[in-house]
Structures are given as structure tokens and as C-alpha cells.
Amino acid sequence: MPASVHSSFQGTAAAFQNSLSSEALAHRGGHRHRIHSVGVLYESYIHPITILSTLPSAGVGAILALLITGKRSWRRRIDRNHLA
């Protein structure tokens, strides 16, 4: 492609690209708000970190338990909602 040819996003694509520029800031703000809210609730700022750090492993464990026991109703429910 020649050096004189330039491309840029237009319309909705440009708006989407602009919205992504502040996404990291929104995530950090949300995380800070969660930590602060739970910290105020427990009157300590170390408890929110310990509580929130266990959530990913708890979710993985729950899904593994459902797969091991053969309970697949959660999967059908997701598929049914997706088709609706």
C-alpha cells in the first residue's frame, strides 16, 4: 500500500474506539469502589482483599463440581437464554 494512503475509523467504529480509551480507568474505579465498600462494611481494608481473592477459585471449583457430578442444568439454562 502506498505511503500516501491513510485509514481511520469512522462513525460507530470511531465512537467505540474512543469509548475503549477509558475502559481501564472504569475498571480500576469499580475495583477501588468494591474494595472501599467491603472495607467499610468489615471495618478493615485487608478483609476485602482476602475475600475477593478467593472468588475466582471458588467459581472454578463450582463449575468443576457441576461437571463431575453430571449436573448440566446450568448449561441448558444458559443455552436457552441465549436462544430466546
Protein backbone atom coordinates (compact mmCIF):
# COMPACT_ATOMS: atom_id res chain seq x y z
CA MET A 1 0.00 0.00 0.00
CA PRO A 2 1.40 3.41 -0.87
CA ALA A 3 2.53 5.69 1.95
CA SER A 4 0.05 8.36 0.80
CA VAL A 5 -2.95 6.14 1.69
CA HIS A 6 -4.24 6.67 5.26
CA SER A 7 -7.07 4.94 7.03
CA SER A 8 -9.11 5.79 10.09
CA PHE A 9 -12.25 4.62 11.84
CA GLN A 10 -15.46 6.48 11.07
CA GLY A 11 -18.91 6.65 12.67
CA THR A 12 -19.77 3.92 15.16
CA ALA A 13 -16.34 2.31 14.93
CA ALA A 14 -14.69 5.61 15.88
CA ALA A 15 -17.08 6.06 18.82
CA PHE A 16 -16.34 2.51 20.01
CA GLN A 17 -12.60 3.11 19.76
CA ASN A 18 -12.95 6.31 21.80
CA SER A 19 -15.01 4.52 24.45
CA LEU A 20 -12.29 1.89 24.90
CA SER A 21 -9.75 4.54 25.85
CA SER A 22 -11.38 4.99 29.28
CA GLU A 23 -12.23 1.33 29.91
CA ALA A 24 -9.17 0.65 32.07
CA LEU A 25 -9.96 3.68 34.21
CA ALA A 26 -13.54 2.47 34.68
CA HIS A 27 -12.34 -0.98 35.74
CA ARG A 28 -9.88 0.47 38.25
CA GLY A 29 -12.55 2.77 39.64
CA GLY A 30 -15.02 -0.08 40.01
CA HIS A 31 -12.46 -2.26 41.75
CA ARG A 32 -11.48 0.57 44.08
CA HIS A 33 -15.16 1.16 44.90
CA ARG A 34 -15.71 -2.55 45.71
CA ILE A 35 -12.65 -2.67 47.97
CA HIS A 36 -13.73 0.52 49.73
CA SER A 37 -17.34 -0.65 50.20
CA VAL A 38 -16.36 -4.01 51.66
CA GLY A 39 -13.64 -2.33 53.72
CA VAL A 40 -16.18 -0.02 55.31
CA LEU A 41 -18.51 -2.97 55.92
CA TYR A 42 -15.85 -5.03 57.70
CA GLU A 43 -14.06 -2.01 59.21
CA SER A 44 -10.75 -3.23 57.79
CA TYR A 45 -9.11 -2.91 54.39
CA ILE A 46 -7.32 -6.28 54.46
CA HIS A 47 -10.54 -8.34 54.63
CA PRO A 48 -11.87 -7.22 51.21
CA ILE A 49 -8.62 -8.29 49.57
CA THR A 50 -8.75 -11.73 51.18
CA ILE A 51 -12.44 -12.18 50.39
CA LEU A 52 -12.24 -11.03 46.76
CA SER A 53 -9.09 -13.07 46.11
CA THR A 54 -11.00 -16.30 46.79
CA LEU A 55 -13.78 -15.66 44.25
CA PRO A 56 -12.01 -16.91 41.08
CA SER A 57 -11.01 -20.24 42.62
CA ALA A 58 -14.49 -20.64 44.13
CA GLY A 59 -16.07 -20.17 40.70
CA VAL A 60 -13.74 -22.70 39.08
CA GLY A 61 -14.45 -25.16 41.88
CA ALA A 62 -18.21 -24.74 41.48
CA ILE A 63 -18.06 -25.40 37.74
CA LEU A 64 -15.81 -28.44 38.25
CA ALA A 65 -18.20 -29.82 40.87
CA LEU A 66 -21.11 -29.45 38.44
CA LEU A 67 -19.16 -31.18 35.69
CA ILE A 68 -18.01 -34.05 37.95
CA THR A 69 -21.50 -34.72 39.32
CA GLY A 70 -23.07 -34.51 35.87
CA LYS A 71 -25.38 -31.62 36.75
CA ARG A 72 -25.73 -29.85 33.45
CA SER A 73 -28.92 -27.90 34.00
CA TRP A 74 -26.88 -24.71 34.37
CA ARG A 75 -25.59 -25.24 30.84
CA ARG A 76 -29.06 -25.79 29.34
CA ARG A 77 -30.31 -22.69 31.12
CA ILE A 78 -27.53 -20.61 29.54
CA ASP A 79 -28.24 -22.06 26.09
CA ARG A 80 -31.99 -21.49 26.46
CA ASN A 81 -31.47 -17.86 27.48
CA HIS A 82 -29.10 -17.34 24.58
CA LEU A 83 -31.65 -18.61 22.05
CA ALA A 84 -34.53 -16.52 23.45
